[in-house]
Protein backbone atom coordinates (compact mmCIF):
# COMPACT_ATOMS: atom_id res chain seq x y z
CA UNK A 1 117.99 125.45 103.31
CA UNK A 2 116.70 122.27 104.90
CA UNK A 3 114.99 122.42 108.28
CA UNK A 4 117.43 121.35 111.00
CA UNK A 5 115.59 118.09 111.71
CA UNK A 6 116.02 116.91 108.10
CA UNK A 7 119.47 115.66 107.29
CA UNK A 8 120.93 115.84 103.81
CA UNK A 9 121.32 112.06 103.81
CA UNK A 10 117.65 111.67 104.69
CA UNK A 11 116.51 113.96 101.89
CA UNK A 12 118.88 112.38 99.36
CA UNK A 13 117.70 108.87 100.26
CA UNK A 14 114.03 109.87 100.00
CA UNK A 15 114.51 111.66 96.67
CA UNK A 16 116.39 108.66 95.29
CA UNK A 17 113.56 106.30 96.30
CA UNK A 18 110.96 108.55 94.69
CA UNK A 19 112.98 108.98 91.50
CA UNK A 20 113.49 105.21 91.18
CA UNK A 21 109.76 104.64 91.70
CA UNK A 22 108.76 107.22 89.11
CA UNK A 23 111.34 106.67 86.41
CA UNK A 24 111.30 102.85 86.43
CA UNK A 25 107.51 102.62 86.01
CA UNK A 26 106.77 102.58 82.27
CA UNK A 27 103.14 103.68 82.80
CA UNK A 28 104.46 107.04 84.02
CA UNK A 29 105.25 107.85 80.39
CA UNK A 30 103.10 108.05 77.28
CA UNK A 31 104.02 106.56 73.89
CA UNK A 32 106.07 109.66 73.06
CA UNK A 33 108.04 109.40 76.31
CA UNK A 34 106.37 112.31 78.12
CA UNK A 35 105.27 112.07 81.75
CA UNK A 36 101.62 111.25 82.37
CA UNK A 37 99.37 112.45 85.17
CA UNK A 38 99.63 110.17 88.18
CA UNK A 39 101.36 109.53 91.45
CA UNK A 40 102.79 106.07 90.93
CA UNK A 41 101.96 105.31 87.34
CA UNK A 42 99.34 106.55 84.90
CA UNK A 43 96.49 107.71 87.14
CA UNK A 44 94.64 110.45 85.23
CA UNK A 45 91.77 110.36 87.75
CA UNK A 46 94.11 112.07 90.22
CA UNK A 47 94.48 115.11 87.98
CA UNK A 48 92.81 118.41 88.75
CA UNK A 49 91.57 121.01 86.30
CA UNK A 50 94.94 122.77 86.50
CA UNK A 51 96.98 119.58 85.93
CA UNK A 52 98.53 119.06 82.55
CA UNK A 53 101.64 117.39 81.22
CA UNK A 54 103.67 120.54 81.94
CA UNK A 55 102.75 120.30 85.61
CA UNK A 56 104.58 117.01 85.94
CA UNK A 57 107.77 118.68 84.84
CA UNK A 58 107.89 120.52 88.14
CA UNK A 59 109.36 117.19 89.24
CA UNK A 60 112.53 118.30 87.50
CA UNK A 61 113.27 120.39 90.59
CA UNK A 62 114.31 117.16 92.29
CA UNK A 63 117.36 117.20 89.99
CA UNK A 64 118.68 120.53 91.28
CA UNK A 65 121.09 118.69 93.56
CA UNK A 66 122.89 117.41 90.45
CA UNK A 67 124.43 120.87 90.24
CA UNK A 68 126.26 120.33 93.52
CA UNK A 69 129.85 119.09 93.40
CA UNK A 70 130.46 115.43 94.25
CA UNK A 71 132.24 116.56 97.42
CA UNK A 72 129.19 118.44 98.76
CA UNK A 73 127.78 117.09 102.02
CA UNK A 74 124.46 116.44 100.26
CA UNK A 75 126.23 113.57 98.45
CA UNK A 76 128.67 112.50 101.15
CA UNK A 77 126.35 112.47 104.20
CA UNK A 78 125.30 108.96 105.22
CA UNK A 79 121.90 107.87 103.90
CA UNK A 80 119.14 107.98 106.52
CA UNK A 81 115.51 106.93 106.74
CA UNK A 82 112.98 109.67 105.95
CA UNK A 83 109.85 110.48 107.94
CA UNK A 84 107.34 108.18 106.25
CA UNK A 85 109.79 105.29 106.25
CA UNK A 86 110.34 105.77 109.99
CA UNK A 87 106.60 106.09 110.61
CA UNK A 88 105.64 102.91 108.75
CA UNK A 89 108.43 100.99 110.49
CA UNK A 90 106.93 102.05 113.85
CA UNK A 91 110.04 104.06 114.70
CA UNK A 92 110.12 107.42 116.42
CA UNK A 93 110.26 110.47 114.17
CA UNK A 94 109.90 114.22 114.54
CA UNK A 95 106.54 115.62 113.52
CA UNK A 96 106.73 117.47 110.22
CA UNK A 97 105.47 121.03 109.87
CA UNK A 98 105.15 123.41 106.96
CA UNK A 99 108.22 125.53 106.35
CA UNK A 100 108.48 129.08 105.12
CA UNK A 101 111.64 129.82 103.20
């Protein structure tokens, strides 16, 4: 259900970069191995009154693609740069808008 301007390879490459950044940073986890509040490491000052350790587990939705077969185009499409990567490289990119599914 991706918007037409987002390719599967672009989304896969972006999710992979985010997952590597989160799961290789040891400060993203407490002594018991649970996720901590933060964007790129332990940053509790970024939390809101509704944030708690359970909120971080919404990140597990990024693993939904693991249910797709290895032959699915999500896995076989060529990797592509995502919007922010294009923007910071001074490349052209389509403007992003909110989507309603």
